[in-house]
């Protein structure tokens, strides 16, 4: 499997163009992009209304939002952190990401999609979020879709078509 690991570029270029380019040199390999995998994961979990947290500028975030709208999702909230440098995005502390994710989530949304494969700590964020939420009346019961969506897709029989 090849995972083209850039959510915003995948949204701009388009899944099929990425898949075609990779298959031009690796014809028999399954190919996945982060938004393709996240869409499949969100749909598998029954999420239709999503909140989005991007690390990017508004200009970079809009194509990602359009991608998910085109995939049939209702984007009920978009929060952009405004970074334009991947090196900065990769160094966001877990505690800051969790706090920002909490602020980005809304009761209207079925799920929160955190967009950027430059993040180094989605698994740590999930464990910490779940631990902190355990004292609430309704703690989360499943990992937020989109966290490590490429890994989720890897477990699917056909990541390009299987939802």
C-alpha atoms as a PDB file:
ATOM      1  CA  UNK A   1       0.000   0.000   0.000  1.00  0.00           C
ATOM      2  CA  UNK A   2       1.076   3.538  -0.725  1.00  0.00           C
ATOM      3  CA  UNK A   3      -0.380   6.332   1.347  1.00  0.00           C
ATOM      4  CA  UNK A   4       0.083   9.765  -0.159  1.00  0.00           C
ATOM      5  CA  UNK A   5       0.362  11.606   3.134  1.00  0.00           C
ATOM      6  CA  UNK A   6      -0.813  15.148   2.598  1.00  0.00           C
ATOM      7  CA  UNK A   7      -4.453  15.891   3.303  1.00  0.00           C
ATOM      8  CA  UNK A   8      -4.610  19.356   1.764  1.00  0.00           C
ATOM      9  CA  UNK A   9      -2.617  18.423  -1.357  1.00  0.00           C
ATOM     10  CA  UNK A  10      -4.817  15.362  -1.848  1.00  0.00           C
ATOM     11  CA  UNK A  11      -7.901  17.568  -1.702  1.00  0.00           C
ATOM     12  CA  UNK A  12      -6.461  19.998  -4.243  1.00  0.00           C
ATOM     13  CA  UNK A  13      -4.944  17.441  -6.631  1.00  0.00           C
ATOM     14  CA  UNK A  14      -7.817  14.964  -6.298  1.00  0.00           C
ATOM     15  CA  UNK A  15      -7.780  11.348  -5.191  1.00  0.00           C
ATOM     16  CA  UNK A  16      -7.937   9.899  -8.682  1.00  0.00           C
ATOM     17  CA  UNK A  17      -5.024  12.011  -9.953  1.00  0.00           C
ATOM     18  CA  UNK A  18      -2.906  10.896  -6.988  1.00  0.00           C
ATOM     19  CA  UNK A  19      -3.912   7.263  -7.479  1.00  0.00           C
ATOM     20  CA  UNK A  20      -3.177   7.434 -11.228  1.00  0.00           C
ATOM     21  CA  UNK A  21       0.247   9.045 -10.676  1.00  0.00           C
ATOM     22  CA  UNK A  22       1.298   6.413  -8.146  1.00  0.00           C
ATOM     23  CA  UNK A  23      -0.065   3.543 -10.212  1.00  0.00           C
ATOM     24  CA  UNK A  24       1.912   4.776 -13.204  1.00  0.00           C
ATOM     25  CA  UNK A  25       5.009   3.454 -11.424  1.00  0.00           C
ATOM     26  CA  UNK A  26       3.412   0.920  -9.030  1.00  0.00           C
ATOM     27  CA  UNK A  27       0.455  -0.460 -11.013  1.00  0.00           C
ATOM     28  CA  UNK A  28      -0.729  -3.175  -8.642  1.00  0.00           C
ATOM     29  CA  UNK A  29      -0.458  -1.396  -5.312  1.00  0.00           C
ATOM     30  CA  UNK A  30      -3.457  -0.143  -3.327  1.00  0.00           C
ATOM     31  CA  UNK A  31      -3.280   3.638  -2.933  1.00  0.00           C
ATOM     32  CA  UNK A  32      -4.906   5.760  -0.274  1.00  0.00           C
ATOM     33  CA  UNK A  33      -5.011   9.452   0.479  1.00  0.00           C
ATOM     34  CA  UNK A  34      -5.819  10.893   3.915  1.00  0.00           C
ATOM     35  CA  UNK A  35      -9.149  12.458   2.891  1.00  0.00           C
ATOM     36  CA  UNK A  36     -10.191   9.297   1.036  1.00  0.00           C
ATOM     37  CA  UNK A  37      -9.433   7.167   4.091  1.00  0.00           C
ATOM     38  CA  UNK A  38     -11.013   9.672   6.485  1.00  0.00           C
ATOM     39  CA  UNK A  39     -14.183   9.831   4.389  1.00  0.00           C
ATOM     40  CA  UNK A  40     -14.455   6.050   4.395  1.00  0.00           C
ATOM     41  CA  UNK A  41     -13.825   5.923   8.154  1.00  0.00           C
ATOM     42  CA  UNK A  42     -16.344   8.660   8.917  1.00  0.00           C
ATOM     43  CA  UNK A  43     -18.968   6.939   6.772  1.00  0.00           C
ATOM     44  CA  UNK A  44     -18.254   3.566   8.386  1.00  0.00           C
ATOM     45  CA  UNK A  45     -18.924   5.176  11.762  1.00  0.00           C
ATOM     46  CA  UNK A  46     -22.144   6.781  10.539  1.00  0.00           C
ATOM     47  CA  UNK A  47     -20.884  10.360  10.840  1.00  0.00           C
ATOM     48  CA  UNK A  48     -22.592  12.778   8.448  1.00  0.00           C
ATOM     49  CA  UNK A  49     -22.147  16.136  10.178  1.00  0.00           C
ATOM     50  CA  UNK A  50     -18.513  16.932  10.902  1.00  0.00           C
ATOM     51  CA  UNK A  51     -16.506  19.627  12.583  1.00  0.00           C
ATOM     52  CA  UNK A  52     -13.075  20.179  11.056  1.00  0.00           C
ATOM     53  CA  UNK A  53      -9.889  21.392  12.678  1.00  0.00           C
ATOM     54  CA  UNK A  54      -7.122  22.241  10.250  1.00  0.00           C
ATOM     55  CA  UNK A  55      -3.673  23.511  11.029  1.00  0.00           C
ATOM     56  CA  UNK A  56      -3.587  25.432   7.759  1.00  0.00           C
ATOM     57  CA  UNK A  57      -4.536  28.875   6.566  1.00  0.00           C
ATOM     58  CA  UNK A  58      -8.128  29.511   5.510  1.00  0.00           C
ATOM     59  CA  UNK A  59      -7.032  29.447   1.847  1.00  0.00           C
ATOM     60  CA  UNK A  60      -5.540  25.980   2.272  1.00  0.00           C
ATOM     61  CA  UNK A  61      -8.442  24.748   4.408  1.00  0.00           C
ATOM     62  CA  UNK A  62     -11.213  25.642   1.953  1.00  0.00           C
ATOM     63  CA  UNK A  63     -10.355  22.912  -0.602  1.00  0.00           C
ATOM     64  CA  UNK A  64     -10.302  20.358   2.230  1.00  0.00           C
ATOM     65  CA  UNK A  65     -13.737  21.526   3.360  1.00  0.00           C
ATOM     66  CA  UNK A  66     -14.979  21.397  -0.241  1.00  0.00           C
ATOM     67  CA  UNK A  67     -13.627  17.850  -0.560  1.00  0.00           C
ATOM     68  CA  UNK A  68     -15.658  16.639   2.413  1.00  0.00           C
ATOM     69  CA  UNK A  69     -18.765  18.482   1.267  1.00  0.00           C
ATOM     70  CA  UNK A  70     -18.340  16.827  -2.128  1.00  0.00           C
ATOM     71  CA  UNK A  71     -18.085  13.462  -0.368  1.00  0.00           C
ATOM     72  CA  UNK A  72     -21.525  14.044   1.159  1.00  0.00           C
ATOM     73  CA  UNK A  73     -20.637  15.475   4.558  1.00  0.00           C
ATOM     74  CA  UNK A  74     -22.151  18.535   6.166  1.00  0.00           C
ATOM     75  CA  UNK A  75     -19.253  20.557   7.558  1.00  0.00           C
ATOM     76  CA  UNK A  76     -20.910  22.292  10.510  1.00  0.00           C
ATOM     77  CA  UNK A  77     -17.790  24.034  11.823  1.00  0.00           C
ATOM     78  CA  UNK A  78     -14.345  24.822  10.448  1.00  0.00           C
ATOM     79  CA  UNK A  79     -11.536  25.909  12.742  1.00  0.00           C
ATOM     80  CA  UNK A  80      -8.238  26.935  11.106  1.00  0.00           C
ATOM     81  CA  UNK A  81      -5.052  27.500  13.093  1.00  0.00           C
ATOM     82  CA  UNK A  82      -3.479  29.504  10.272  1.00  0.00           C
ATOM     83  CA  UNK A  83      -0.065  27.847   9.977  1.00  0.00           C
ATOM     84  CA  UNK A  84       1.697  27.777   6.623  1.00  0.00           C
ATOM     85  CA  UNK A  85       4.804  25.820   7.624  1.00  0.00           C
ATOM     86  CA  UNK A  86       4.721  22.022   8.098  1.00  0.00           C
ATOM     87  CA  UNK A  87       7.651  22.201  10.504  1.00  0.00           C
ATOM     88  CA  UNK A  88       5.555  24.319  12.870  1.00  0.00           C
ATOM     89  CA  UNK A  89       2.518  22.062  12.443  1.00  0.00           C
ATOM     90  CA  UNK A  90       4.590  19.007  13.357  1.00  0.00           C
ATOM     91  CA  UNK A  91       5.646  20.581  16.645  1.00  0.00           C
ATOM     92  CA  UNK A  92       2.247  21.444  18.078  1.00  0.00           C
ATOM     93  CA  UNK A  93       2.218  20.113  21.652  1.00  0.00           C
ATOM     94  CA  UNK A  94      -0.333  17.394  22.382  1.00  0.00           C
ATOM     95  CA  UNK A  95      -1.964  19.467  25.141  1.00  0.00           C
ATOM     96  CA  UNK A  96      -2.479  22.396  22.753  1.00  0.00           C
ATOM     97  CA  UNK A  97      -3.923  20.141  20.062  1.00  0.00           C
ATOM     98  CA  UNK A  98      -6.365  18.555  22.507  1.00  0.00           C
ATOM     99  CA  UNK A  99      -7.493  21.916  23.876  1.00  0.00           C
ATOM    100  CA  UNK A 100      -7.971  23.253  20.364  1.00  0.00           C
ATOM    101  CA  UNK A 101      -9.842  20.111  19.303  1.00  0.00           C
ATOM    102  CA  UNK A 102     -12.227  20.492  22.237  1.00  0.00           C
ATOM    103  CA  UNK A 103     -12.927  24.063  21.189  1.00  0.00           C
ATOM    104  CA  UNK A 104     -13.398  23.039  17.550  1.00  0.00           C
ATOM    105  CA  UNK A 105     -15.961  20.339  18.338  1.00  0.00           C
ATOM    106  CA  UNK A 106     -19.633  21.245  18.475  1.00  0.00           C
ATOM    107  CA  UNK A 107     -22.783  19.454  19.624  1.00  0.00           C
ATOM    108  CA  UNK A 108     -24.078  19.695  16.036  1.00  0.00           C
ATOM    109  CA  UNK A 109     -21.277  17.440  14.763  1.00  0.00           C
ATOM    110  CA  UNK A 110     -21.194  13.654  14.754  1.00  0.00           C
ATOM    111  CA  UNK A 111     -17.391  13.699  14.600  1.00  0.00           C
ATOM    112  CA  UNK A 112     -14.331  15.902  14.575  1.00  0.00           C
ATOM    113  CA  UNK A 113     -11.833  15.550  11.739  1.00  0.00           C
ATOM    114  CA  UNK A 114      -8.369  16.892  12.550  1.00  0.00           C
ATOM    115  CA  UNK A 115      -6.664  17.513   9.241  1.00  0.00           C
ATOM    116  CA  UNK A 116      -2.915  17.345   8.772  1.00  0.00           C
ATOM    117  CA  UNK A 117      -0.637  14.348   8.426  1.00  0.00           C
ATOM    118  CA  UNK A 118       2.259  16.446   9.755  1.00  0.00           C
ATOM    119  CA  UNK A 119       0.884  15.874  13.257  1.00  0.00           C
ATOM    120  CA  UNK A 120       3.117  13.506  15.167  1.00  0.00           C
ATOM    121  CA  UNK A 121       0.817  12.542  17.997  1.00  0.00           C
ATOM    122  CA  UNK A 122      -2.727  11.473  17.001  1.00  0.00           C
ATOM    123  CA  UNK A 123      -2.532   8.268  19.067  1.00  0.00           C
ATOM    124  CA  UNK A 124      -1.317  10.195  22.134  1.00  0.00           C
ATOM    125  CA  UNK A 125      -4.093  12.736  21.659  1.00  0.00           C
ATOM    126  CA  UNK A 126      -6.724  10.019  21.541  1.00  0.00           C
ATOM    127  CA  UNK A 127      -5.483   8.323  24.736  1.00  0.00           C
ATOM    128  CA  UNK A 128      -5.291  11.634  26.554  1.00  0.00           C
ATOM    129  CA  UNK A 129      -8.706  12.798  25.292  1.00  0.00           C
ATOM    130  CA  UNK A 130     -10.318   9.523  26.365  1.00  0.00           C
ATOM    131  CA  UNK A 131      -8.651   9.630  29.798  1.00  0.00           C
ATOM    132  CA  UNK A 132      -9.742  13.233  30.439  1.00  0.00           C
ATOM    133  CA  UNK A 133     -13.251  12.550  29.196  1.00  0.00           C
ATOM    134  CA  UNK A 134     -13.698   9.498  31.436  1.00  0.00           C
ATOM    135  CA  UNK A 135     -14.966  11.698  34.271  1.00  0.00           C
ATOM    136  CA  UNK A 136     -17.709  13.171  32.088  1.00  0.00           C
ATOM    137  CA  UNK A 137     -21.219  11.782  31.999  1.00  0.00           C
ATOM    138  CA  UNK A 138     -20.769  10.485  28.454  1.00  0.00           C
ATOM    139  CA  UNK A 139     -17.121   9.735  27.641  1.00  0.00           C
ATOM    140  CA  UNK A 140     -16.177   8.976  24.036  1.00  0.00           C
ATOM    141  CA  UNK A 141     -16.729   5.367  23.069  1.00  0.00           C
ATOM    142  CA  UNK A 142     -14.609   5.270  19.941  1.00  0.00           C
ATOM    143  CA  UNK A 143     -11.550   6.926  18.504  1.00  0.00           C
ATOM    144  CA  UNK A 144     -12.359  10.122  16.621  1.00  0.00           C
ATOM    145  CA  UNK A 145     -12.475   9.305  12.905  1.00  0.00           C
ATOM    146  CA  UNK A 146      -9.663  10.797  10.895  1.00  0.00           C
ATOM    147  CA  UNK A 147      -6.992  10.190  13.539  1.00  0.00           C
ATOM    148  CA  UNK A 148      -4.518   8.081  11.646  1.00  0.00           C
ATOM    149  CA  UNK A 149      -6.992   7.479   8.828  1.00  0.00           C
ATOM    150  CA  UNK A 150      -4.294   5.957   6.647  1.00  0.00           C
ATOM    151  CA  UNK A 151      -3.766   3.197   9.187  1.00  0.00           C
ATOM    152  CA  UNK A 152      -7.511   2.548   9.251  1.00  0.00           C
ATOM    153  CA  UNK A 153      -7.578   2.269   5.453  1.00  0.00           C
ATOM    154  CA  UNK A 154      -4.691  -0.163   5.518  1.00  0.00           C
ATOM    155  CA  UNK A 155      -6.922  -2.626   7.358  1.00  0.00           C
ATOM    156  CA  UNK A 156      -9.661  -2.464   4.681  1.00  0.00           C
ATOM    157  CA  UNK A 157      -9.845  -5.104   1.909  1.00  0.00           C
ATOM    158  CA  UNK A 158      -9.794  -2.433  -0.825  1.00  0.00           C
ATOM    159  CA  UNK A 159      -8.935   1.024   0.508  1.00  0.00           C
ATOM    160  CA  UNK A 160      -9.801   2.682  -2.802  1.00  0.00           C
ATOM    161  CA  UNK A 161     -13.414   1.554  -2.839  1.00  0.00           C
ATOM    162  CA  UNK A 162     -14.285  -0.152   0.452  1.00  0.00           C
ATOM    163  CA  UNK A 163     -16.022   2.119   2.961  1.00  0.00           C
END
